[in-house]
PDB file of N, CA and C in Angstrom:
ATOM      1  N   MET A   1     -44.922  66.986 -12.311  1.00  0.00           N
ATOM      2  CA  MET A   1     -44.008  65.859 -12.511  1.00  0.00           C
ATOM      3  C   MET A   1     -43.916  65.023 -11.234  1.00  0.00           C
ATOM      4  N   ASN A   2     -43.824  63.733 -11.441  1.00  0.00           N
ATOM      5  CA  ASN A   2     -43.703  62.843 -10.293  1.00  0.00           C
ATOM      6  C   ASN A   2     -42.380  63.047  -9.583  1.00  0.00           C
ATOM      7  N   LYS A   3     -42.398  62.719  -8.313  1.00  0.00           N
ATOM      8  CA  LYS A   3     -41.162  62.805  -7.543  1.00  0.00           C
ATOM      9  C   LYS A   3     -40.248  61.654  -7.952  1.00  0.00           C
ATOM     10  N   ILE A   4     -38.986  61.982  -8.125  1.00  0.00           N
ATOM     11  CA  ILE A   4     -38.016  60.974  -8.546  1.00  0.00           C
ATOM     12  C   ILE A   4     -37.542  60.162  -7.344  1.00  0.00           C
ATOM     13  N   GLU A   5     -37.410  58.869  -7.566  1.00  0.00           N
ATOM     14  CA  GLU A   5     -36.891  57.971  -6.532  1.00  0.00           C
ATOM     15  C   GLU A   5     -35.372  57.899  -6.706  1.00  0.00           C
ATOM     16  N   PHE A   6     -34.655  57.968  -5.587  1.00  0.00           N
ATOM     17  CA  PHE A   6     -33.191  57.918  -5.628  1.00  0.00           C
ATOM     18  C   PHE A   6     -32.685  56.641  -4.989  1.00  0.00           C
ATOM     19  N   ASP A   7     -31.631  56.102  -5.588  1.00  0.00           N
ATOM     20  CA  ASP A   7     -30.988  54.912  -5.043  1.00  0.00           C
ATOM     21  C   ASP A   7     -29.479  55.075  -5.239  1.00  0.00           C
ATOM     22  N   GLU A   8     -28.713  54.218  -4.592  1.00  0.00           N
ATOM     23  CA  GLU A   8     -27.257  54.296  -4.675  1.00  0.00           C
ATOM     24  C   GLU A   8     -26.677  52.909  -4.828  1.00  0.00           C
ATOM     25  N   LEU A   9     -25.668  52.788  -5.673  1.00  0.00           N
ATOM     26  CA  LEU A   9     -24.930  51.527  -5.758  1.00  0.00           C
ATOM     27  C   LEU A   9     -24.104  51.380  -4.487  1.00  0.00           C
ATOM     28  N   SER A  10     -23.785  50.145  -4.116  1.00  0.00           N
ATOM     29  CA  SER A  10     -22.962  49.930  -2.924  1.00  0.00           C
ATOM     30  C   SER A  10     -21.591  50.589  -3.093  1.00  0.00           C
ATOM     31  N   GLU A  11     -21.048  50.591  -4.327  1.00  0.00           N
ATOM     32  CA  GLU A  11     -19.756  51.244  -4.575  1.00  0.00           C
ATOM     33  C   GLU A  11     -19.848  52.754  -4.349  1.00  0.00           C
ATOM     34  N   PHE A  12     -20.999  53.326  -4.696  1.00  0.00           N
ATOM     35  CA  PHE A  12     -21.204  54.760  -4.474  1.00  0.00           C
ATOM     36  C   PHE A  12     -21.169  55.053  -2.971  1.00  0.00           C
ATOM     37  N   LYS A  13     -21.805  54.181  -2.197  1.00  0.00           N
ATOM     38  CA  LYS A  13     -21.819  54.372  -0.739  1.00  0.00           C
ATOM     39  C   LYS A  13     -20.406  54.361  -0.174  1.00  0.00           C
ATOM     40  N   LYS A  14     -19.547  53.504  -0.735  1.00  0.00           N
ATOM     41  CA  LYS A  14     -18.143  53.464  -0.300  1.00  0.00           C
ATOM     42  C   LYS A  14     -17.426  54.752  -0.688  1.00  0.00           C
ATOM     43  N   ASP A  15     -17.668  55.233  -1.918  1.00  0.00           N
ATOM     44  CA  ASP A  15     -17.080  56.511  -2.367  1.00  0.00           C
ATOM     45  C   ASP A  15     -17.463  57.613  -1.390  1.00  0.00           C
ATOM     46  N   LEU A  16     -18.749  57.659  -1.076  1.00  0.00           N
ATOM     47  CA  LEU A  16     -19.286  58.708  -0.209  1.00  0.00           C
ATOM     48  C   LEU A  16     -18.655  58.651   1.176  1.00  0.00           C
ATOM     49  N   LYS A  17     -18.528  57.449   1.711  1.00  0.00           N
ATOM     50  CA  LYS A  17     -17.952  57.277   3.045  1.00  0.00           C
ATOM     51  C   LYS A  17     -16.525  57.825   3.105  1.00  0.00           C
ATOM     52  N   VAL A  18     -15.733  57.536   2.071  1.00  0.00           N
ATOM     53  CA  VAL A  18     -14.353  58.023   2.005  1.00  0.00           C
ATOM     54  C   VAL A  18     -14.340  59.546   1.866  1.00  0.00           C
ATOM     55  N   LEU A  19     -15.168  60.075   0.980  1.00  0.00           N
ATOM     56  CA  LEU A  19     -15.186  61.521   0.735  1.00  0.00           C
ATOM     57  C   LEU A  19     -15.720  62.322   1.920  1.00  0.00           C
ATOM     58  N   LEU A  20     -16.598  61.708   2.713  1.00  0.00           N
ATOM     59  CA  LEU A  20     -17.156  62.398   3.882  1.00  0.00           C
ATOM     60  C   LEU A  20     -16.088  62.768   4.903  1.00  0.00           C
ATOM     61  N   LYS A  21     -14.984  62.025   4.913  1.00  0.00           N
ATOM     62  CA  LYS A  21     -13.885  62.354   5.838  1.00  0.00           C
ATOM     63  C   LYS A  21     -13.265  63.701   5.467  1.00  0.00           C
ATOM     64  N   LYS A  22     -13.225  63.998   4.177  1.00  0.00           N
ATOM     65  CA  LYS A  22     -12.669  65.263   3.680  1.00  0.00           C
ATOM     66  C   LYS A  22     -13.720  66.365   3.608  1.00  0.00           C
ATOM     67  N   TYR A  23     -14.917  65.994   3.150  1.00  0.00           N
ATOM     68  CA  TYR A  23     -15.982  66.974   2.896  1.00  0.00           C
ATOM     69  C   TYR A  23     -17.193  66.615   3.764  1.00  0.00           C
ATOM     70  N   ARG A  24     -17.220  67.161   4.954  1.00  0.00           N
ATOM     71  CA  ARG A  24     -18.216  66.753   5.947  1.00  0.00           C
ATOM     72  C   ARG A  24     -19.657  67.158   5.607  1.00  0.00           C
ATOM     73  N   THR A  25     -19.831  68.054   4.662  1.00  0.00           N
ATOM     74  CA  THR A  25     -21.185  68.521   4.330  1.00  0.00           C
ATOM     75  C   THR A  25     -21.818  67.726   3.187  1.00  0.00           C
ATOM     76  N   LEU A  26     -21.161  66.680   2.725  1.00  0.00           N
ATOM     77  CA  LEU A  26     -21.639  65.966   1.538  1.00  0.00           C
ATOM     78  C   LEU A  26     -23.058  65.422   1.643  1.00  0.00           C
ATOM     79  N   HIS A  27     -23.451  64.896   2.789  1.00  0.00           N
ATOM     80  CA  HIS A  27     -24.831  64.387   2.928  1.00  0.00           C
ATOM     81  C   HIS A  27     -25.814  65.513   2.644  1.00  0.00           C
ATOM     82  N   GLU A  28     -25.563  66.647   3.274  1.00  0.00           N
ATOM     83  CA  GLU A  28     -26.390  67.841   3.097  1.00  0.00           C
ATOM     84  C   GLU A  28     -26.365  68.304   1.631  1.00  0.00           C
ATOM     85  N   ASP A  29     -25.166  68.361   1.056  1.00  0.00           N
ATOM     86  CA  ASP A  29     -25.000  68.797  -0.334  1.00  0.00           C
ATOM     87  C   ASP A  29     -25.774  67.885  -1.287  1.00  0.00           C
ATOM     88  N   LEU A  30     -25.748  66.587  -1.030  1.00  0.00           N
ATOM     89  CA  LEU A  30     -26.459  65.639  -1.888  1.00  0.00           C
ATOM     90  C   LEU A  30     -27.972  65.803  -1.776  1.00  0.00           C
ATOM     91  N   GLU A  31     -28.454  66.155  -0.593  1.00  0.00           N
ATOM     92  CA  GLU A  31     -29.894  66.393  -0.430  1.00  0.00           C
ATOM     93  C   GLU A  31     -30.336  67.592  -1.274  1.00  0.00           C
ATOM     94  N   VAL A  32     -29.523  68.643  -1.282  1.00  0.00           N
ATOM     95  CA  VAL A  32     -29.810  69.820  -2.108  1.00  0.00           C
ATOM     96  C   VAL A  32     -29.783  69.418  -3.585  1.00  0.00           C
ATOM     97  N   LEU A  33     -28.799  68.619  -3.940  1.00  0.00           N
ATOM     98  CA  LEU A  33     -28.653  68.147  -5.316  1.00  0.00           C
ATOM     99  C   LEU A  33     -29.869  67.326  -5.756  1.00  0.00           C
ATOM    100  N   LYS A  34     -30.387  66.505  -4.864  1.00  0.00           N
ATOM    101  CA  LYS A  34     -31.567  65.690  -5.181  1.00  0.00           C
ATOM    102  C   LYS A  34     -32.766  66.577  -5.518  1.00  0.00           C
ATOM    103  N   LEU A  35     -32.901  67.681  -4.792  1.00  0.00           N
ATOM    104  CA  LEU A  35     -33.998  68.613  -5.084  1.00  0.00           C
ATOM    105  C   LEU A  35     -33.845  69.191  -6.486  1.00  0.00           C
ATOM    106  N   GLU A  36     -32.610  69.538  -6.849  1.00  0.00           N
ATOM    107  CA  GLU A  36     -32.333  70.065  -8.186  1.00  0.00           C
ATOM    108  C   GLU A  36     -32.606  69.006  -9.258  1.00  0.00           C
ATOM    109  N   LEU A  37     -32.155  67.776  -8.997  1.00  0.00           N
ATOM    110  CA  LEU A  37     -32.340  66.692  -9.961  1.00  0.00           C
ATOM    111  C   LEU A  37     -33.812  66.331 -10.118  1.00  0.00           C
ATOM    112  N   ASN A  38     -34.597  66.542  -9.079  1.00  0.00           N
ATOM    113  CA  ASN A  38     -36.022  66.263  -9.162  1.00  0.00           C
ATOM    114  C   ASN A  38     -36.681  67.193 -10.194  1.00  0.00           C
ATOM    115  N   ASP A  39     -36.160  68.418 -10.300  1.00  0.00           N
ATOM    116  CA  ASP A  39     -36.686  69.379 -11.271  1.00  0.00           C
ATOM    117  C   ASP A  39     -36.088  69.177 -12.660  1.00  0.00           C
ATOM    118  N   GLU A  40     -34.784  68.882 -12.707  1.00  0.00           N
ATOM    119  CA  GLU A  40     -34.081  68.709 -13.986  1.00  0.00           C
ATOM    120  C   GLU A  40     -33.192  67.474 -13.951  1.00  0.00           C
ATOM    121  N   PRO A  41     -33.804  66.286 -14.090  1.00  0.00           N
ATOM    122  CA  PRO A  41     -33.028  65.049 -13.964  1.00  0.00           C
ATOM    123  C   PRO A  41     -32.158  64.718 -15.173  1.00  0.00           C
ATOM    124  N   ASP A  42     -32.517  65.238 -16.332  1.00  0.00           N
ATOM    125  CA  ASP A  42     -31.771  64.901 -17.542  1.00  0.00           C
ATOM    126  C   ASP A  42     -30.529  65.775 -17.658  1.00  0.00           C
ATOM    127  N   GLU A  43     -29.724  65.537 -18.670  1.00  0.00           N
ATOM    128  CA  GLU A  43     -28.502  66.320 -18.839  1.00  0.00           C
ATOM    129  C   GLU A  43     -28.837  67.803 -18.963  1.00  0.00           C
ATOM    130  N   ASN A  44     -27.926  68.619 -18.465  1.00  0.00           N
ATOM    131  CA  ASN A  44     -28.132  70.058 -18.422  1.00  0.00           C
ATOM    132  C   ASN A  44     -26.790  70.760 -18.657  1.00  0.00           C
ATOM    133  N   PRO A  45     -26.295  70.714 -19.918  1.00  0.00           N
ATOM    134  CA  PRO A  45     -24.992  71.334 -20.198  1.00  0.00           C
ATOM    135  C   PRO A  45     -24.990  72.812 -19.799  1.00  0.00           C
ATOM    136  N   PRO A  46     -23.887  73.362 -19.300  1.00  0.00           N
ATOM    137  CA  PRO A  46     -22.562  72.761 -19.153  1.00  0.00           C
ATOM    138  C   PRO A  46     -22.374  72.072 -17.804  1.00  0.00           C
ATOM    139  N   PHE A  47     -23.444  71.992 -17.009  1.00  0.00           N
ATOM    140  CA  PHE A  47     -23.332  71.422 -15.664  1.00  0.00           C
ATOM    141  C   PHE A  47     -23.301  69.899 -15.676  1.00  0.00           C
ATOM    142  N   SER A  48     -24.029  69.323 -16.592  1.00  0.00           N
ATOM    143  CA  SER A  48     -24.065  67.862 -16.668  1.00  0.00           C
ATOM    144  C   SER A  48     -24.289  67.445 -18.116  1.00  0.00           C
ATOM    145  N   PHE A  49     -23.776  66.290 -18.449  1.00  0.00           N
ATOM    146  CA  PHE A  49     -23.947  65.790 -19.808  1.00  0.00           C
ATOM    147  C   PHE A  49     -23.953  64.278 -19.816  1.00  0.00           C
ATOM    148  N   ARG A  50     -24.576  63.731 -20.841  1.00  0.00           N
ATOM    149  CA  ARG A  50     -24.681  62.288 -20.998  1.00  0.00           C
ATOM    150  C   ARG A  50     -23.328  61.699 -21.405  1.00  0.00           C
ATOM    151  N   ILE A  51     -22.989  60.563 -20.816  1.00  0.00           N
ATOM    152  CA  ILE A  51     -21.759  59.867 -21.198  1.00  0.00           C
ATOM    153  C   ILE A  51     -22.113  58.938 -22.358  1.00  0.00           C
ATOM    154  N   ASP A  52     -21.549  59.232 -23.515  1.00  0.00           N
ATOM    155  CA  ASP A  52     -21.827  58.423 -24.694  1.00  0.00           C
ATOM    156  C   ASP A  52     -20.775  57.325 -24.846  1.00  0.00           C
ATOM    157  N   ASN A  53     -20.902  56.539 -25.880  1.00  0.00           N
ATOM    158  CA  ASN A  53     -19.954  55.468 -26.221  1.00  0.00           C
ATOM    159  C   ASN A  53     -19.878  54.369 -25.159  1.00  0.00           C
ATOM    160  N   LEU A  54     -20.953  54.166 -24.431  1.00  0.00           N
ATOM    161  CA  LEU A  54     -20.960  53.085 -23.446  1.00  0.00           C
ATOM    162  C   LEU A  54     -21.635  51.833 -24.022  1.00  0.00           C
ATOM    163  N   GLY A  55     -22.372  51.996 -25.094  1.00  0.00           N
ATOM    164  CA  GLY A  55     -23.094  50.873 -25.680  1.00  0.00           C
ATOM    165  C   GLY A  55     -24.281  50.450 -24.837  1.00  0.00           C
ATOM    166  N   LEU A  56     -24.801  51.389 -24.053  1.00  0.00           N
ATOM    167  CA  LEU A  56     -25.932  51.099 -23.166  1.00  0.00           C
ATOM    168  C   LEU A  56     -27.160  51.880 -23.585  1.00  0.00           C
ATOM    169  N   GLU A  57     -28.328  51.305 -23.307  1.00  0.00           N
ATOM    170  CA  GLU A  57     -29.563  52.063 -23.505  1.00  0.00           C
ATOM    171  C   GLU A  57     -29.801  52.979 -22.319  1.00  0.00           C
ATOM    172  N   THR A  58     -29.249  52.607 -21.180  1.00  0.00           N
ATOM    173  CA  THR A  58     -29.404  53.404 -19.963  1.00  0.00           C
ATOM    174  C   THR A  58     -28.767  54.774 -20.154  1.00  0.00           C
ATOM    175  N   CYS A  59     -29.463  55.793 -19.715  1.00  0.00           N
ATOM    176  CA  CYS A  59     -28.947  57.161 -19.772  1.00  0.00           C
ATOM    177  C   CYS A  59     -28.041  57.384 -18.557  1.00  0.00           C
ATOM    178  N   VAL A  60     -26.732  57.502 -18.812  1.00  0.00           N
ATOM    179  CA  VAL A  60     -25.773  57.727 -17.731  1.00  0.00           C
ATOM    180  C   VAL A  60     -25.244  59.156 -17.871  1.00  0.00           C
ATOM    181  N   ILE A  61     -25.355  59.923 -16.792  1.00  0.00           N
ATOM    182  CA  ILE A  61     -25.019  61.336 -16.820  1.00  0.00           C
ATOM    183  C   ILE A  61     -23.883  61.651 -15.860  1.00  0.00           C
ATOM    184  N   LYS A  62     -22.979  62.506 -16.323  1.00  0.00           N
ATOM    185  CA  LYS A  62     -21.866  62.989 -15.500  1.00  0.00           C
ATOM    186  C   LYS A  62     -22.177  64.433 -15.134  1.00  0.00           C
ATOM    187  N   MET A  63     -22.202  64.699 -13.841  1.00  0.00           N
ATOM    188  CA  MET A  63     -22.493  66.047 -13.361  1.00  0.00           C
ATOM    189  C   MET A  63     -21.204  66.660 -12.845  1.00  0.00           C
ATOM    190  N   LYS A  64     -20.869  67.829 -13.391  1.00  0.00           N
ATOM    191  CA  LYS A  64     -19.606  68.468 -13.045  1.00  0.00           C
ATOM    192  C   LYS A  64     -19.735  69.559 -11.993  1.00  0.00           C
ATOM    193  N   LYS A  65     -20.799  70.288 -12.040  1.00  0.00           N
ATOM    194  CA  LYS A  65     -20.923  71.463 -11.173  1.00  0.00           C
ATOM    195  C   LYS A  65     -21.723  71.105  -9.924  1.00  0.00           C
ATOM    196  N   ILE A  66     -21.022  70.692  -8.883  1.00  0.00           N
ATOM    197  CA  ILE A  66     -21.680  70.286  -7.641  1.00  0.00           C
ATOM    198  C   ILE A  66     -21.236  71.218  -6.520  1.00  0.00           C
ATOM    199  N   ALA A  67     -22.184  71.897  -5.929  1.00  0.00           N
ATOM    200  CA  ALA A  67     -21.858  72.788  -4.817  1.00  0.00           C
ATOM    201  C   ALA A  67     -21.586  71.956  -3.573  1.00  0.00           C
ATOM    202  N   CYS A  68     -20.502  72.285  -2.884  1.00  0.00           N
ATOM    203  CA  CYS A  68     -20.138  71.583  -1.654  1.00  0.00           C
ATOM    204  C   CYS A  68     -19.767  72.627  -0.617  1.00  0.00           C
ATOM    205  N   LYS A  69     -20.551  72.694   0.441  1.00  0.00           N
ATOM    206  CA  LYS A  69     -20.318  73.702   1.488  1.00  0.00           C
ATOM    207  C   LYS A  69     -18.966  73.537   2.172  1.00  0.00           C
ATOM    208  N   ALA A  70     -18.465  72.309   2.228  1.00  0.00           N
ATOM    209  CA  ALA A  70     -17.188  72.053   2.895  1.00  0.00           C
ATOM    210  C   ALA A  70     -16.021  72.678   2.124  1.00  0.00           C
ATOM    211  N   LEU A  71     -16.228  72.948   0.853  1.00  0.00           N
ATOM    212  CA  LEU A  71     -15.202  73.591   0.035  1.00  0.00           C
ATOM    213  C   LEU A  71     -15.545  75.076  -0.065  1.00  0.00           C
ATOM    214  N   LYS A  72     -15.282  75.787   0.995  1.00  0.00           N
ATOM    215  CA  LYS A  72     -15.655  77.201   1.078  1.00  0.00           C
ATOM    216  C   LYS A  72     -15.053  78.028  -0.048  1.00  0.00           C
ATOM    217  N   GLY A  73     -15.877  78.934  -0.567  1.00  0.00           N
ATOM    218  CA  GLY A  73     -15.406  79.852  -1.586  1.00  0.00           C
ATOM    219  C   GLY A  73     -15.308  79.258  -2.975  1.00  0.00           C
ATOM    220  N   ARG A  74     -15.579  77.973  -3.104  1.00  0.00           N
ATOM    221  CA  ARG A  74     -15.448  77.328  -4.418  1.00  0.00           C
ATOM    222  C   ARG A  74     -16.789  77.234  -5.132  1.00  0.00           C
ATOM    223  N   GLY A  75     -17.886  77.318  -4.370  1.00  0.00           N
ATOM    224  CA  GLY A  75     -19.214  77.228  -4.978  1.00  0.00           C
ATOM    225  C   GLY A  75     -19.376  75.966  -5.790  1.00  0.00           C
ATOM    226  N   VAL A  76     -19.936  76.127  -6.994  1.00  0.00           N
ATOM    227  CA  VAL A  76     -20.164  74.953  -7.845  1.00  0.00           C
ATOM    228  C   VAL A  76     -18.873  74.473  -8.507  1.00  0.00           C
ATOM    229  N   ASN A  77     -17.792  75.214  -8.340  1.00  0.00           N
ATOM    230  CA  ASN A  77     -16.508  74.768  -8.894  1.00  0.00           C
ATOM    231  C   ASN A  77     -15.727  73.943  -7.875  1.00  0.00           C
ATOM    232  N   SER A  78     -16.426  73.111  -7.155  1.00  0.00           N
ATOM    233  CA  SER A  78     -15.823  72.316  -6.082  1.00  0.00           C
ATOM    234  C   SER A  78     -14.884  71.246  -6.610  1.00  0.00           C
ATOM    235  N   GLY A  79     -15.061  70.856  -7.861  1.00  0.00           N
ATOM    236  CA  GLY A  79     -14.226  69.794  -8.420  1.00  0.00           C
ATOM    237  C   GLY A  79     -14.816  68.414  -8.207  1.00  0.00           C
ATOM    238  N   LEU A  80     -15.957  68.339  -7.541  1.00  0.00           N
ATOM    239  CA  LEU A  80     -16.602  67.043  -7.339  1.00  0.00           C
ATOM    240  C   LEU A  80     -17.353  66.633  -8.604  1.00  0.00           C
ATOM    241  N   ARG A  81     -17.363  65.336  -8.851  1.00  0.00           N
ATOM    242  CA  ARG A  81     -18.059  64.778 -10.009  1.00  0.00           C
ATOM    243  C   ARG A  81     -19.029  63.711  -9.524  1.00  0.00           C
ATOM    244  N   LEU A  82     -20.232  63.725 -10.078  1.00  0.00           N
ATOM    245  CA  LEU A  82     -21.240  62.726  -9.754  1.00  0.00           C
ATOM    246  C   LEU A  82     -21.654  62.033 -11.046  1.00  0.00           C
ATOM    247  N   ILE A  83     -21.636  60.711 -11.014  1.00  0.00           N
ATOM    248  CA  ILE A  83     -22.105  59.924 -12.149  1.00  0.00           C
ATOM    249  C   ILE A  83     -23.402  59.252 -11.696  1.00  0.00           C
ATOM    250  N   TYR A  84     -24.447  59.390 -12.522  1.00  0.00           N
ATOM    251  CA  TYR A  84     -25.705  58.731 -12.156  1.00  0.00           C
ATOM    252  C   TYR A  84     -26.421  58.211 -13.390  1.00  0.00           C
ATOM    253  N   ALA A  85     -27.235  57.182 -13.161  1.00  0.00           N
ATOM    254  CA  ALA A  85     -28.066  56.610 -14.217  1.00  0.00           C
ATOM    255  C   ALA A  85     -29.470  57.149 -14.031  1.00  0.00           C
ATOM    256  N   TYR A  86     -30.055  57.625 -15.120  1.00  0.00           N
ATOM    257  CA  TYR A  86     -31.392  58.219 -15.069  1.00  0.00           C
ATOM    258  C   TYR A  86     -32.361  57.369 -15.882  1.00  0.00           C
ATOM    259  N   PHE A  87     -33.411  56.911 -15.215  1.00  0.00           N
ATOM    260  CA  PHE A  87     -34.442  56.103 -15.850  1.00  0.00           C
ATOM    261  C   PHE A  87     -35.719  56.944 -15.909  1.00  0.00           C
ATOM    262  N   GLU A  88     -35.943  57.545 -17.068  1.00  0.00           N
ATOM    263  CA  GLU A  88     -37.048  58.498 -17.220  1.00  0.00           C
ATOM    264  C   GLU A  88     -38.408  57.852 -16.992  1.00  0.00           C
ATOM    265  N   VAL A  89     -38.648  56.704 -17.603  1.00  0.00           N
ATOM    266  CA  VAL A  89     -39.952  56.039 -17.503  1.00  0.00           C
ATOM    267  C   VAL A  89     -40.281  55.677 -16.048  1.00  0.00           C
ATOM    268  N   GLU A  90     -39.280  55.160 -15.326  1.00  0.00           N
ATOM    269  CA  GLU A  90     -39.494  54.762 -13.932  1.00  0.00           C
ATOM    270  C   GLU A  90     -39.371  55.931 -12.959  1.00  0.00           C
ATOM    271  N   ALA A  91     -38.960  57.101 -13.453  1.00  0.00           N
ATOM    272  CA  ALA A  91     -38.704  58.280 -12.604  1.00  0.00           C
ATOM    273  C   ALA A  91     -37.759  57.888 -11.464  1.00  0.00           C
ATOM    274  N   LYS A  92     -36.589  57.377 -11.884  1.00  0.00           N
ATOM    275  CA  LYS A  92     -35.624  56.889 -10.898  1.00  0.00           C
ATOM    276  C   LYS A  92     -34.207  57.311 -11.286  1.00  0.00           C
ATOM    277  N   ILE A  93     -33.421  57.655 -10.265  1.00  0.00           N
ATOM    278  CA  ILE A  93     -32.012  57.966 -10.460  1.00  0.00           C
ATOM    279  C   ILE A  93     -31.205  57.080  -9.527  1.00  0.00           C
ATOM    280  N   ILE A  94     -30.159  56.466 -10.080  1.00  0.00           N
ATOM    281  CA  ILE A  94     -29.254  55.655  -9.268  1.00  0.00           C
ATOM    282  C   ILE A  94     -27.885  56.325  -9.293  1.00  0.00           C
ATOM    283  N   PHE A  95     -27.411  56.705  -8.114  1.00  0.00           N
ATOM    284  CA  PHE A  95     -26.076  57.287  -8.009  1.00  0.00           C
ATOM    285  C   PHE A  95     -25.045  56.180  -8.190  1.00  0.00           C
ATOM    286  N   VAL A  96     -24.124  56.398  -9.135  1.00  0.00           N
ATOM    287  CA  VAL A  96     -23.158  55.376  -9.512  1.00  0.00           C
ATOM    288  C   VAL A  96     -21.793  55.640  -8.891  1.00  0.00           C
ATOM    289  N   GLU A  97     -21.347  56.900  -8.983  1.00  0.00           N
ATOM    290  CA  GLU A  97     -19.984  57.201  -8.555  1.00  0.00           C
ATOM    291  C   GLU A  97     -19.887  58.665  -8.148  1.00  0.00           C
ATOM    292  N   LEU A  98     -19.056  58.917  -7.134  1.00  0.00           N
ATOM    293  CA  LEU A  98     -18.782  60.273  -6.676  1.00  0.00           C
ATOM    294  C   LEU A  98     -17.287  60.365  -6.429  1.00  0.00           C
ATOM    295  N   TYR A  99     -16.655  61.380  -7.022  1.00  0.00           N
ATOM    296  CA  TYR A  99     -15.214  61.529  -6.840  1.00  0.00           C
ATOM    297  C   TYR A  99     -14.802  62.977  -7.044  1.00  0.00           C
ATOM    298  N   HIS A 100     -13.606  63.289  -6.597  1.00  0.00           N
ATOM    299  CA  HIS A 100     -13.047  64.623  -6.817  1.00  0.00           C
ATOM    300  C   HIS A 100     -12.121  64.545  -8.025  1.00  0.00           C
ATOM    301  N   LYS A 101     -12.186  65.557  -8.879  1.00  0.00           N
ATOM    302  CA  LYS A 101     -11.404  65.513 -10.126  1.00  0.00           C
ATOM    303  C   LYS A 101      -9.898  65.446  -9.885  1.00  0.00           C
ATOM    304  N   ASN A 102      -9.438  65.882  -8.707  1.00  0.00           N
ATOM    305  CA  ASN A 102      -8.010  65.783  -8.397  1.00  0.00           C
ATOM    306  C   ASN A 102      -7.608  64.360  -8.012  1.00  0.00           C
ATOM    307  N   ASP A 103      -8.593  63.546  -7.602  1.00  0.00           N
ATOM    308  CA  ASP A 103      -8.304  62.170  -7.183  1.00  0.00           C
ATOM    309  C   ASP A 103      -8.280  61.197  -8.353  1.00  0.00           C
ATOM    310  N   LYS A 104      -9.074  61.475  -9.368  1.00  0.00           N
ATOM    311  CA  LYS A 104      -9.075  60.606 -10.549  1.00  0.00           C
ATOM    312  C   LYS A 104      -9.542  61.395 -11.762  1.00  0.00           C
ATOM    313  N   GLU A 105      -9.089  60.956 -12.909  1.00  0.00           N
ATOM    314  CA  GLU A 105      -9.320  61.728 -14.123  1.00  0.00           C
ATOM    315  C   GLU A 105     -10.733  61.607 -14.661  1.00  0.00           C
ATOM    316  N   LYS A 106     -11.256  60.382 -14.679  1.00  0.00           N
ATOM    317  CA  LYS A 106     -12.588  60.203 -15.250  1.00  0.00           C
ATOM    318  C   LYS A 106     -13.358  59.079 -14.580  1.00  0.00           C
ATOM    319  N   GLU A 107     -14.614  58.973 -14.981  1.00  0.00           N
ATOM    320  CA  GLU A 107     -15.520  57.990 -14.399  1.00  0.00           C
ATOM    321  C   GLU A 107     -15.036  56.556 -14.630  1.00  0.00           C
ATOM    322  N   ASP A 108     -15.531  55.669 -13.772  1.00  0.00           N
ATOM    323  CA  ASP A 108     -15.202  54.249 -13.827  1.00  0.00           C
ATOM    324  C   ASP A 108     -16.177  53.563 -14.789  1.00  0.00           C
ATOM    325  N   LYS A 109     -15.772  53.472 -16.054  1.00  0.00           N
ATOM    326  CA  LYS A 109     -16.675  52.893 -17.071  1.00  0.00           C
ATOM    327  C   LYS A 109     -16.990  51.430 -16.762  1.00  0.00           C
ATOM    328  N   LYS A 110     -16.009  50.736 -16.180  1.00  0.00           N
ATOM    329  CA  LYS A 110     -16.222  49.319 -15.838  1.00  0.00           C
ATOM    330  C   LYS A 110     -17.370  49.200 -14.827  1.00  0.00           C
ATOM    331  N   ARG A 111     -17.378  50.085 -13.828  1.00  0.00           N
ATOM    332  CA  ARG A 111     -18.449  50.072 -12.819  1.00  0.00           C
ATOM    333  C   ARG A 111     -19.798  50.328 -13.482  1.00  0.00           C
ATOM    334  N   ILE A 112     -19.839  51.271 -14.393  1.00  0.00           N
ATOM    335  CA  ILE A 112     -21.090  51.588 -15.092  1.00  0.00           C
ATOM    336  C   ILE A 112     -21.566  50.367 -15.878  1.00  0.00           C
ATOM    337  N   LEU A 113     -20.666  49.788 -16.654  1.00  0.00           N
ATOM    338  CA  LEU A 113     -21.027  48.639 -17.504  1.00  0.00           C
ATOM    339  C   LEU A 113     -21.405  47.408 -16.672  1.00  0.00           C
ATOM    340  N   ASN A 114     -20.744  47.216 -15.544  1.00  0.00           N
ATOM    341  CA  ASN A 114     -21.051  46.065 -14.684  1.00  0.00           C
ATOM    342  C   ASN A 114     -22.446  46.177 -14.058  1.00  0.00           C
ATOM    343  N   ASN A 115     -22.940  47.396 -13.887  1.00  0.00           N
ATOM    344  CA  ASN A 115     -24.221  47.575 -13.201  1.00  0.00           C
ATOM    345  C   ASN A 115     -25.403  47.846 -14.129  1.00  0.00           C
ATOM    346  N   PHE A 116     -25.110  48.256 -15.353  1.00  0.00           N
ATOM    347  CA  PHE A 116     -26.200  48.583 -16.288  1.00  0.00           C
ATOM    348  C   PHE A 116     -25.914  47.976 -17.649  1.00  0.00           C
ATOM    349  N   LYS A 117     -26.459  46.771 -17.853  1.00  0.00           N
ATOM    350  CA  LYS A 117     -26.223  46.096 -19.145  1.00  0.00           C
ATOM    351  C   LYS A 117     -27.454  46.163 -20.005  1.00  0.00           C
TER     352      LYS A 117
END
């Protein structure tokens, strides 16, 4: 399989910058995650699933089980959520949003719709 190309929305970069103050290992954690996504980029329940009802052709996936070293003892139950768009034909993933489940309840559908029409 071809290597997947990764990109980030500018809003994602802002999310990451804010979260890095709390979780200093996030850059490292995301690199590990990219290796995993390179092998299994599509939805992988119960760890990740496609967000339906968006009215988009783009495959948008919500990943729930993200290991974060800064959250010791929590493993993949860190509470972090990653939203990304997966383009199978182009072998590309765009990181859309990163947040902690205690900070907000669900993904920013407006952000998704504004970037993928």
